Protein backbone atom coordinates (compact mmCIF):
# COMPACT_ATOMS: atom_id res chain seq x y z
CA MET A 1 -40.07 57.93 -21.31
CA LYS A 2 -44.12 58.55 -20.56
CA GLU A 3 -44.49 56.29 -22.73
CA ARG A 4 -41.68 53.60 -21.93
CA PHE A 5 -42.88 53.53 -18.85
CA TYR A 6 -46.79 53.19 -19.92
CA ARG A 7 -45.82 50.15 -22.13
CA ILE A 8 -43.77 48.11 -19.56
CA GLY A 9 -46.91 48.59 -16.75
CA ASN A 10 -49.31 47.38 -19.44
CA ALA A 11 -46.95 44.53 -20.06
CA LEU A 12 -47.05 43.71 -16.25
CA LYS A 13 -51.16 43.83 -16.02
CA HIS A 14 -51.14 41.22 -19.00
CA ILE A 15 -48.72 39.18 -17.21
CA GLY A 16 -50.76 39.12 -13.51
CA ILE A 17 -49.40 39.35 -10.27
CA ARG A 18 -50.20 35.66 -9.64
CA SER A 19 -47.69 34.97 -12.89
CA LEU A 20 -44.95 37.48 -11.30
CA VAL A 21 -44.83 36.00 -8.30
CA LEU A 22 -44.87 32.48 -9.78
CA ALA A 23 -41.97 33.79 -12.12
CA LEU A 24 -40.32 35.05 -8.94
CA VAL A 25 -40.30 31.84 -7.30
CA VAL A 26 -38.95 30.09 -10.55
CA LEU A 27 -36.10 32.94 -10.16
CA LEU A 28 -35.69 31.60 -6.36
CA ILE A 29 -35.76 28.00 -6.93
CA THR A 30 -33.41 28.26 -9.85
CA ALA A 31 -30.95 30.42 -7.52
CA GLY A 32 -31.04 27.75 -4.72
CA LEU A 33 -30.42 24.96 -7.30
CA ALA A 34 -27.40 26.55 -8.86
CA THR A 35 -26.08 26.92 -5.14
CA PHE A 36 -26.81 23.21 -4.43
CA VAL A 37 -24.95 22.50 -7.71
CA GLY A 38 -22.06 24.55 -6.48
CA ILE A 39 -21.91 23.16 -3.04
CA ARG A 40 -22.07 19.31 -4.52
CA ILE A 41 -19.63 20.25 -6.78
CA SER A 42 -17.29 21.86 -4.16
CA ALA A 43 -17.93 18.77 -1.79
CA THR A 44 -17.30 15.70 -4.91
CA GLU A 45 -14.31 17.99 -5.06
CA TRP A 46 -13.21 17.74 -1.89
CA ASP A 47 -14.34 13.69 -1.61
CA ALA A 48 -11.65 13.59 -4.61
CA VAL A 49 -8.95 15.51 -2.75
CA GLN A 50 -9.47 13.31 -0.33
CA SER A 51 -9.58 9.87 -2.28
CA GLN A 52 -6.58 11.03 -4.00
CA GLY A 53 -4.60 11.68 -1.22
CA LYS A 54 -4.99 8.84 0.48
CA LEU A 55 -4.36 6.36 -2.59
CA ASN A 56 -1.05 8.61 -3.22
CA ALA A 57 0.06 7.58 -0.04
CA ARG A 58 -0.69 4.18 0.23
CA GLU A 59 0.43 3.90 -3.51
CA ALA A 60 4.00 5.13 -2.36
CA ALA A 61 3.77 2.43 0.54
CA ILE A 62 2.60 -0.33 -0.81
CA GLU A 63 5.84 0.13 -4.04
CA TYR A 64 7.80 1.18 -1.03
CA ASP A 65 7.33 -1.69 1.30
CA ARG A 66 7.42 -4.19 -1.84
CA CYS A 67 10.97 -2.58 -2.68
CA LEU A 68 12.12 -2.64 0.47
CA LEU A 69 11.01 -6.10 1.19
CA THR A 70 13.17 -8.00 -1.18
CA ARG A 71 16.57 -5.88 0.71
CA VAL A 72 15.05 -7.55 4.43
CA ASN A 73 14.13 -10.86 3.26
CA ILE A 74 17.79 -10.96 1.74
CA VAL A 75 19.65 -9.63 5.10
CA THR A 76 17.04 -12.36 6.69
CA LEU A 77 17.94 -15.21 4.85
CA VAL A 78 21.95 -14.29 5.49
CA GLY A 79 21.49 -13.72 8.55
CA HIS A 80 19.72 -17.49 9.29
CA GLN A 81 22.68 -19.09 7.43
CA VAL A 82 25.69 -16.91 9.29
CA GLU A 83 23.41 -17.63 12.99
CA HIS A 84 23.82 -21.85 11.50
CA MET A 85 27.27 -21.62 10.64
CA LEU A 86 28.36 -19.94 14.35
CA GLN A 87 26.42 -22.28 15.94
CA SER A 88 28.11 -24.84 13.85
CA GLY A 89 31.96 -23.56 14.37
CA THR A 90 32.53 -22.32 10.91
CA ALA A 91 35.51 -20.38 10.95
CA ASN A 92 35.24 -16.44 9.84
CA ASP A 93 37.10 -17.08 6.96
CA ALA A 94 34.57 -19.37 5.27
CA ILE A 95 31.46 -16.51 7.03
CA GLU A 96 33.42 -13.87 5.13
CA GLU A 97 33.50 -15.96 1.78
CA TYR A 98 29.65 -16.45 2.46
CA LEU A 99 29.37 -13.25 2.48
CA SER A 100 31.62 -12.53 -0.47
CA GLU A 101 29.35 -15.07 -2.63
CA GLN A 102 26.00 -13.56 -1.37
CA THR A 103 27.52 -10.03 -2.11
CA HIS A 104 28.36 -10.88 -5.41
CA ASN A 105 24.68 -12.30 -6.40
CA ILE A 106 23.18 -9.38 -5.02
CA ILE A 107 25.26 -6.76 -7.20
CA ALA A 108 24.59 -8.77 -10.25
CA THR A 109 20.90 -9.49 -10.06
CA LEU A 110 19.25 -6.88 -7.43
CA ASP A 111 21.12 -4.29 -6.76
CA PRO A 112 24.19 -2.91 -8.12
CA SER A 113 24.38 0.16 -6.42
CA THR A 114 24.82 -1.83 -2.74
CA THR A 115 27.86 -1.64 -0.98
CA GLY A 116 27.20 -5.25 -0.07
CA LEU A 117 27.46 -7.65 2.69
CA TYR A 118 29.52 -7.15 6.50
CA GLY A 119 29.26 -7.28 9.75
CA TRP A 120 30.64 -7.80 13.77
CA ILE A 121 30.71 -11.93 13.57
CA ASN A 122 32.73 -13.87 16.36
CA ARG A 123 34.38 -10.04 17.23
CA GLU A 124 36.06 -9.46 13.84
CA TYR A 125 34.93 -7.21 10.42
CA LEU A 126 34.03 -9.48 8.28
CA ASP A 127 33.49 -7.58 4.60
CA GLY A 128 31.73 -9.16 2.11
CA ALA A 129 33.10 -6.51 -0.13
CA GLY A 130 36.42 -7.33 0.14
CA TRP A 131 36.83 -3.64 1.68
CA VAL A 132 39.60 -3.22 4.34
CA PRO A 133 38.75 -0.71 6.86
CA ASP A 134 41.24 1.83 8.21
CA ALA A 135 43.40 1.07 11.74
CA ASP A 136 41.12 3.64 13.17
CA TYR A 137 37.93 2.31 11.82
CA VAL A 138 36.04 0.49 15.43
CA PRO A 139 32.86 -1.39 13.94
CA VAL A 140 31.35 -1.30 17.59
CA GLU A 141 31.10 2.20 17.76
CA ARG A 142 29.92 2.34 13.93
CA PRO A 143 25.96 3.33 13.88
CA TRP A 144 25.02 0.43 12.43
CA TYR A 145 26.32 -2.04 15.08
CA VAL A 146 24.93 1.05 17.98
CA GLU A 147 21.89 1.33 17.03
CA THR A 148 21.12 -2.41 16.43
CA MET A 149 22.49 -3.18 20.04
CA ALA A 150 20.10 -0.74 21.48
CA SER A 151 17.14 -1.85 19.60
CA ASP A 152 14.06 -4.40 20.47
CA GLN A 153 13.98 -5.58 17.04
CA GLU A 154 14.86 -8.64 15.33
CA ILE A 155 15.29 -6.50 11.95
CA THR A 156 16.69 -3.07 12.86
CA PHE A 157 16.70 0.28 10.14
CA ILE A 158 19.46 2.44 10.80
CA GLU A 159 18.85 6.16 10.33
CA PRO A 160 19.47 7.01 6.66
CA TYR A 161 22.14 9.25 5.69
CA LEU A 162 22.29 11.66 2.30
CA ASP A 163 25.79 10.80 0.39
CA MET A 164 26.74 14.14 -1.12
CA GLN A 165 28.64 12.56 -4.05
CA THR A 166 25.41 11.30 -5.34
CA ASN A 167 22.94 13.18 -3.51
CA THR A 168 21.45 9.64 -2.65
CA VAL A 169 20.08 8.62 0.30
CA MET A 170 21.51 5.30 1.74
CA MET A 171 20.23 3.30 5.03
CA THR A 172 21.60 -0.19 6.61
CA VAL A 173 19.81 -3.36 7.31
CA THR A 174 20.65 -5.41 10.07
CA ASP A 175 20.28 -8.23 11.56
CA LEU A 176 21.59 -9.86 15.18
CA MET A 177 22.32 -12.97 16.05
CA SER A 178 21.29 -15.11 18.80
CA ASP A 179 25.14 -14.40 20.51
CA GLY A 180 23.37 -11.01 21.86
CA GLU A 181 26.75 -9.63 19.60
CA SER A 182 27.68 -10.60 16.24
CA VAL A 183 25.43 -8.43 13.50
CA VAL A 184 25.00 -9.40 9.59
CA ALA A 185 24.55 -5.83 8.16
CA MET A 186 23.92 -4.48 4.72
CA ASP A 187 23.97 -0.85 2.50
CA VAL A 188 20.75 -0.37 0.22
CA SER A 189 20.39 2.87 -1.78
CA LEU A 190 16.83 3.94 -2.04
CA GLU A 191 17.23 5.95 -5.13
CA PRO A 192 13.98 3.29 -6.25
CA ILE A 193 11.82 4.85 -3.51
CA GLN A 194 12.64 8.03 -4.78
CA LYS A 195 11.69 7.57 -7.85
CA ILE A 196 8.57 5.82 -6.88
CA ILE A 197 7.79 8.79 -4.74
CA GLU A 198 8.37 11.11 -7.50
CA GLN A 199 6.23 9.17 -9.93
CA VAL A 200 3.29 9.22 -7.31
CA ALA A 201 3.44 12.78 -7.03
CA SER A 202 3.50 13.64 -10.61
CA GLY A 203 0.59 12.55 -11.41
CA THR A 204 -1.60 15.00 -8.98
CA GLU A 205 -1.35 18.26 -9.80
CA GLY A 206 -0.46 20.59 -6.84
CA SER A 207 0.85 17.16 -5.17
CA GLN A 208 4.19 16.29 -3.01
CA ALA A 209 4.86 12.76 -1.83
CA PHE A 210 7.76 11.44 0.55
CA VAL A 211 8.67 9.78 3.16
CA LEU A 212 10.02 10.22 6.56
CA ASP A 213 11.86 8.18 8.88
CA LEU A 214 11.23 8.48 13.00
CA ASN A 215 13.37 11.26 13.78
CA GLY A 216 12.33 13.62 11.02
CA THR A 217 14.94 12.88 8.42
CA VAL A 218 13.50 13.19 4.66
CA VAL A 219 14.24 9.57 3.19
CA ALA A 220 12.71 10.53 0.14
CA HIS A 221 11.02 13.44 -1.81
CA SER A 222 9.17 14.45 -4.75
CA ASP A 223 11.16 17.45 -4.58
CA VAL A 224 15.14 16.27 -4.57
CA GLU A 225 16.38 19.36 -2.89
CA GLN A 226 14.31 18.28 0.42
CA LEU A 227 16.21 14.94 0.49
CA GLY A 228 18.27 14.75 3.87
CA ARG A 229 16.42 17.22 5.57
CA ASN A 230 15.13 17.02 9.05
CA TYR A 231 11.76 18.71 9.50
CA LEU A 232 11.52 18.59 13.11
CA ASN A 233 14.37 21.50 12.88
CA GLU A 234 12.44 23.62 11.01
CA PRO A 235 9.15 24.08 13.10
CA ASP A 236 8.33 27.13 11.20
CA SER A 237 8.26 25.30 7.61
CA LEU A 238 5.58 23.44 5.77
CA GLY A 239 7.46 20.36 6.32
CA GLY A 240 8.01 21.14 10.49
CA ALA A 241 4.33 21.41 10.72
CA VAL A 242 3.81 17.73 8.86
CA ALA A 243 6.50 16.52 10.93
CA GLN A 244 5.23 17.27 14.05
CA LYS A 245 1.65 16.26 13.68
CA ILE A 246 2.71 12.96 12.17
CA LEU A 247 5.71 12.52 14.78
CA ARG A 248 4.61 14.60 17.57
CA ASP A 249 0.62 14.45 17.85
CA ARG A 250 0.68 10.65 16.00
CA GLN A 251 -2.56 11.85 13.73
CA MET A 252 -2.28 10.04 10.38
CA GLN A 253 -4.66 12.17 8.42
CA PHE A 254 -5.24 16.18 8.74
CA ASP A 255 -5.59 19.29 6.87
CA LEU A 256 -3.00 22.04 7.39
CA LYS A 257 -3.20 25.62 6.82
CA VAL A 258 0.35 27.23 6.59
CA PRO A 259 1.12 30.63 4.34
CA GLU A 260 1.48 27.88 1.41
CA GLY A 261 -1.86 27.28 1.21
CA PHE A 262 -4.63 24.67 2.64
CA TYR A 263 -3.23 21.37 2.29
CA SER A 264 -4.95 18.03 2.98
CA VAL A 265 -1.89 15.24 4.36
CA TYR A 266 -2.45 11.20 4.43
CA VAL A 267 -0.42 9.34 5.97
CA ASP A 268 0.92 5.34 6.02
CA LYS A 269 2.80 3.32 7.93
CA LEU A 270 5.75 1.48 6.18
CA GLU A 271 7.56 -1.15 6.77
CA GLY A 272 10.60 -0.24 9.53
CA GLY A 273 8.44 1.86 11.08
CA TRP A 274 8.98 4.87 8.65
CA TYR A 275 5.87 7.01 7.39
CA SER A 276 4.45 7.69 3.42
CA VAL A 277 3.36 11.03 3.55
CA SER A 278 1.17 12.12 1.04
CA MET A 279 0.21 16.17 0.80
CA ILE A 280 -2.22 18.23 -1.94
CA ASN A 281 -2.39 21.84 -1.97
CA ALA A 282 -6.20 22.23 -2.26
CA ASP A 283 -5.81 25.48 -3.34
CA ILE A 284 -4.37 24.29 -6.51
CA TRP A 285 -6.60 21.35 -6.81
CA TYR A 286 -9.39 23.62 -6.67
CA ARG A 287 -8.20 26.46 -8.86
CA PRO A 288 -10.12 25.31 -12.25
CA LEU A 289 -12.89 24.64 -10.32
CA ARG A 290 -13.14 28.16 -9.06
CA ARG A 291 -12.70 29.23 -12.29
CA ALA A 292 -15.63 27.23 -13.83
CA MET A 293 -17.67 28.41 -11.08
CA ILE A 294 -17.07 31.77 -11.80
CA ILE A 295 -17.57 31.57 -15.53
CA PHE A 296 -21.02 29.53 -14.07
CA PHE A 297 -22.59 32.44 -12.56
CA VAL A 298 -21.75 34.83 -15.26
CA ILE A 299 -23.83 32.53 -17.18
CA LEU A 300 -26.54 32.16 -14.68
CA SER A 301 -26.75 35.74 -14.23
CA LEU A 302 -27.46 35.92 -18.20
CA VAL A 303 -29.97 32.91 -18.06
CA VAL A 304 -31.83 34.35 -15.45
CA ILE A 305 -33.17 37.18 -17.70
CA PHE A 306 -34.13 34.23 -19.72
CA LEU A 307 -36.13 32.52 -17.48
CA VAL A 308 -38.92 35.45 -17.02
CA SER A 309 -40.32 34.09 -20.35
CA VAL A 310 -39.64 30.72 -19.76
CA PHE A 311 -39.43 29.86 -16.10
CA LEU A 312 -41.86 26.60 -16.59
CA ARG A 313 -39.87 25.10 -19.19
CA LEU A 314 -36.95 25.53 -16.93
CA SER A 315 -38.05 24.54 -13.54
CA ALA A 316 -39.63 21.12 -15.04
CA LYS A 317 -36.06 20.51 -16.69
CA ASN A 318 -34.56 21.18 -13.36
CA LEU A 319 -36.54 18.71 -11.74
CA ALA A 320 -35.31 15.79 -14.07
CA LEU A 321 -31.92 16.91 -13.24
CA GLN A 322 -32.22 16.54 -9.75
CA ARG A 323 -34.11 13.47 -10.27
CA LEU A 324 -31.26 11.76 -13.00
CA HIS A 325 -28.85 13.16 -10.26
CA THR A 326 -30.07 11.22 -7.70
CA ARG A 327 -30.92 8.58 -9.85
CA ILE A 328 -26.68 8.69 -10.85
CA ARG A 329 -26.13 8.35 -6.62
CA GLN A 330 -27.82 5.48 -6.25
CA GLU A 331 -26.37 4.20 -9.04
CA GLU A 332 -23.53 5.25 -7.47
CA THR A 333 -23.84 3.38 -4.30
CA ARG A 334 -25.39 0.26 -5.91
CA ARG A 335 -22.05 -0.42 -8.30
CA LYS A 336 -19.71 0.23 -5.58
CA GLU A 337 -21.56 -1.89 -3.12
CA LEU A 338 -21.33 -5.05 -6.32
CA LYS A 339 -17.70 -4.60 -6.89
CA ALA A 340 -17.29 -5.13 -3.23
CA LEU A 341 -19.60 -7.72 -3.26
CA SER A 342 -17.45 -9.52 -6.35
CA GLU A 343 -13.91 -9.19 -5.57
CA THR A 344 -13.65 -10.96 -2.50
CA ASP A 345 -15.31 -14.58 -0.81
CA ARG A 346 -18.21 -14.16 1.62
CA MET A 347 -17.13 -16.58 3.76
CA THR A 348 -13.29 -16.03 4.51
CA GLY A 349 -12.74 -11.92 3.22
CA LEU A 350 -10.03 -13.53 0.79
CA TYR A 351 -10.38 -12.59 -2.92
CA ASP A 352 -12.44 -15.26 -4.96
CA ARG A 353 -10.62 -17.05 -7.66
CA VAL A 354 -11.90 -14.61 -10.30
CA ASN A 355 -10.34 -11.20 -8.97
CA GLY A 356 -7.38 -13.58 -7.08
CA GLU A 357 -6.74 -14.54 -10.61
CA ARG A 358 -6.55 -11.52 -11.85
CA GLN A 359 -4.05 -9.89 -9.36
CA VAL A 360 -1.76 -12.99 -9.65
CA GLU A 361 -2.13 -11.71 -13.82
CA GLU A 362 -1.55 -7.60 -13.10
CA LEU A 363 1.40 -8.85 -11.05
CA LEU A 364 3.09 -10.96 -13.55
CA ALA A 365 2.38 -8.54 -16.10
CA GLU A 366 4.79 -6.11 -14.38
CA ASN A 367 7.71 -8.72 -13.82
CA GLY A 368 6.61 -9.93 -10.55
CA ILE A 369 8.48 -12.32 -8.91
CA GLY A 370 7.90 -14.66 -5.97
CA MET A 371 5.89 -17.85 -4.72
CA PHE A 372 2.59 -19.33 -5.80
CA VAL A 373 1.25 -21.90 -3.53
CA GLU A 374 -1.67 -23.74 -3.55
CA LEU A 375 -2.56 -26.01 -0.42
CA ASP A 376 -5.74 -27.63 0.73
CA ILE A 377 -7.52 -29.32 3.98
CA ASP A 378 -6.46 -32.62 5.02
CA ASP A 379 -9.37 -35.13 5.22
CA PHE A 380 -11.86 -32.10 4.91
CA LYS A 381 -14.98 -34.26 3.71
CA ALA A 382 -13.97 -36.55 7.22
CA ILE A 383 -14.23 -33.02 8.56
CA ASN A 384 -17.66 -32.36 7.11
CA ASP A 385 -19.19 -35.97 7.89
CA THR A 386 -17.89 -36.41 11.31
CA TYR A 387 -18.31 -33.15 13.02
CA GLY A 388 -20.87 -31.33 10.61
CA HIS A 389 -20.37 -28.75 7.92
CA GLN A 390 -20.44 -25.70 10.55
CA ALA A 391 -17.47 -26.95 11.54
CA GLY A 392 -15.82 -27.08 8.38
CA ASP A 393 -16.72 -24.00 7.68
CA ARG A 394 -15.05 -22.91 11.30
CA ALA A 395 -11.84 -24.98 9.33
CA ILE A 396 -11.85 -23.02 6.29
CA GLN A 397 -12.21 -19.70 8.16
CA PHE A 398 -9.22 -20.46 10.68
CA VAL A 399 -7.08 -21.40 7.58
CA ALA A 400 -7.90 -17.52 6.12
CA ASP A 401 -6.88 -16.31 8.90
CA SER A 402 -3.63 -18.41 9.68
CA LEU A 403 -2.95 -17.37 6.34
CA ARG A 404 -3.20 -13.65 6.85
CA SER A 405 -1.38 -13.95 10.11
CA THR A 406 1.66 -15.59 7.90
CA PHE A 407 1.61 -13.74 4.51
CA ARG A 408 1.97 -10.19 4.55
CA THR A 409 -0.72 -7.51 3.31
CA ASN A 410 0.25 -6.51 -0.18
CA ASP A 411 0.56 -10.52 -0.54
CA VAL A 412 -2.32 -11.72 -3.05
CA LEU A 413 -4.11 -14.29 -0.55
CA ILE A 414 -7.08 -16.62 -2.42
CA ARG A 415 -9.95 -19.22 -1.58
CA LEU A 416 -10.14 -21.22 -4.78
CA GLY A 417 -13.01 -22.99 -4.10
CA GLY A 418 -14.13 -25.15 -1.18
CA ASP A 419 -11.42 -25.93 1.19
CA GLU A 420 -8.94 -24.51 -1.62
CA PHE A 421 -6.21 -21.40 -0.98
CA GLY A 422 -3.77 -20.36 -3.45
CA VAL A 423 -1.09 -17.60 -2.32
CA PHE A 424 0.95 -15.39 -4.50
CA ALA A 425 4.33 -14.26 -1.77
CA ILE A 426 5.62 -11.35 -3.54
CA GLY A 427 9.54 -10.83 -3.74
CA VAL A 428 9.80 -14.70 -1.83
CA THR A 429 12.53 -16.40 -4.59
CA THR A 430 14.70 -18.93 -3.07
CA ARG A 431 13.07 -22.39 -1.69
CA GLU A 432 14.65 -21.47 1.66
CA MET A 433 12.58 -18.27 1.98
CA GLY A 434 9.90 -20.22 0.73
CA ASP A 435 9.88 -23.24 3.65
CA ALA A 436 10.39 -20.44 6.43
CA LEU A 437 7.03 -19.38 5.44
CA ILE A 438 5.34 -22.36 5.11
CA HIS A 439 6.62 -23.80 8.42
CA ARG A 440 5.26 -20.38 9.90
CA LEU A 441 1.95 -21.26 8.36
CA PHE A 442 2.15 -25.02 10.02
CA ARG A 443 2.67 -23.41 13.46
CA GLN A 444 0.00 -21.49 13.29
CA LEU A 445 -2.00 -24.20 12.27
CA SER A 446 -1.22 -25.90 14.91
CA ASN A 447 -2.43 -23.59 17.65
CA ASN A 448 -5.68 -23.96 16.61
CA ASN A 449 -8.86 -23.97 19.00
CA ILE A 450 -11.63 -24.80 17.21
CA PRO A 451 -14.80 -25.65 19.92
CA GLU A 452 -16.37 -27.67 16.61
CA LEU A 453 -13.53 -29.88 16.17
CA SER A 454 -13.25 -31.16 19.68
CA GLY A 455 -9.69 -30.97 19.20
CA LYS A 456 -8.89 -32.37 16.58
CA LYS A 457 -6.27 -30.42 14.31
CA ILE A 458 -6.00 -28.96 11.42
CA SER A 459 -3.15 -30.15 8.66
CA ILE A 460 -2.95 -28.99 5.16
CA SER A 461 -1.06 -30.31 2.11
CA VAL A 462 0.54 -27.15 0.50
CA GLY A 463 2.16 -27.50 -3.22
CA ALA A 464 4.42 -24.66 -4.59
CA VAL A 465 6.33 -22.67 -7.48
CA ILE A 466 9.24 -20.00 -7.10
CA HIS A 467 8.48 -17.58 -10.37
CA SER A 468 11.71 -16.05 -10.86
CA GLY A 469 10.72 -13.86 -14.03
CA GLU A 470 12.96 -15.52 -16.16
CA LYS A 471 10.44 -16.64 -18.23
CA ALA A 472 6.34 -15.22 -18.97
CA SER A 473 4.04 -17.55 -16.69
CA SER A 474 0.52 -17.09 -16.33
CA PHE A 475 -2.04 -17.79 -13.52
CA GLY A 476 -2.70 -20.43 -15.56
CA ASP A 477 1.07 -22.16 -15.70
CA LEU A 478 1.84 -21.52 -11.66
CA TYR A 479 -1.47 -23.12 -10.70
CA ALA A 480 -0.69 -26.26 -12.73
CA ALA A 481 2.87 -26.90 -11.58
CA ALA A 482 1.78 -25.71 -7.80
CA ASP A 483 -1.26 -28.43 -7.75
CA SER A 484 1.15 -30.98 -9.32
CA ALA A 485 3.06 -30.35 -6.23
CA MET A 486 0.30 -30.74 -3.97
CA TYR A 487 -0.57 -33.90 -5.46
CA HIS A 488 2.29 -35.41 -3.62
CA SER A 489 2.03 -33.95 -0.38
CA LYS A 490 -1.09 -35.55 -0.20
CA LYS A 491 0.42 -38.43 -0.42
CA ARG A 492 2.30 -37.97 2.97
CA SER A 493 0.48 -37.60 5.99
CA GLY A 494 0.04 -33.74 8.27
CA ASN A 495 1.77 -31.05 7.34
CA SER A 496 3.84 -31.26 3.88
CA LEU A 497 4.74 -28.94 1.67
CA THR A 498 6.59 -29.93 -2.15
CA PHE A 499 7.84 -27.37 -4.53
CA SER A 500 7.47 -28.01 -7.92
CA GLU A 501 10.79 -29.13 -10.09
């Protein structure tokens, strides 16, 4: 034993106090670096949880709006036609025949699960599917009519209900006519929304996704057993806690600690006022990280022993690693900044031509349907020559703002170059729908009050083409068709629209 202590003392004397202090400093620095890396990894993982939650909620919201908006557009279009028929004194038999024709079209081309179009029109119940109600059926006492009368919205989303036979959530979309008592309605299945929610949640471990209506009812859920439950009636459950935060506290992003775990919750507002909710269980998300960190610190403990003899070399490596980590962060920041600059037009904030074309091509590859529009400002050169280039820039910015006000957030808005713009309006599948949208844009443009133009009004020439998805098309095909149509519009003065044949 004495001989062993003698060898240790001799070794310490040979190494020297200075070297021992330096070795201790290296060990402390190494431990500090390990702790720093662990903290940075934890922070990075937490950022990843937040980013994934936001992405899930937004992805579900976009797909929901895309699916439901098509149905809303149908009800809007049919309601517009029924309104016209009412004002022209058309008999109810003819109106019911029109509803029947549209119901058959919807079932054949869009939604075979719908019960079709129906309504209370001219104080008579009309049904496009041919359903004859029982004698005790009072349309004006049904929820779809009562809630429409109580709503101050042009389009009303009636509280959904769960079909117990099919375990499918159904809802009704209604449109109130100008006479204040006639209503056009259509029942739609939310089964496509359910599939979207399940798909979004399945891509993230520990994730749940659902759609919540304004009353706390679960419209769609990644766990089908939750369908139809009212979370506000379950305040002690996980869903109840989330619903109260959203519907009562109006919180759109929050963390929640419950017996089931620690959840990070993200919310996105949907068409009709509903909410797309994404929840990620951080405990499950962090489980692989915790295992990795335990293994990491066990290995580090063993390495510390070895560092006594090689601390100088490892210190240099750690310094190089720190510098590399800094360069990686700087390069990542620079890459994000360049990506943001490369995707948008600086003057208008719209997609530039390259990225706008890419967005449209992706939609077309996914069998997206809609209307492609090309437009430019009439006499733009004269505006620049007469009022100056600053006025021309203001005119371009005003047209871009008008496009944003007219079209939906999920439509693709592009500045093609100069005073030329393009739009791919998702779900617009008829000329009637397209004509209504473009004339809304014309009205937006008529409200311009640009001081540099001294009262001159801006007008545009528009070419449009409907892509129904019946045959494959590229951005170039749609652009060429819309461009040809716009050429004919430019032959007429003022705001003009031409559809491509």
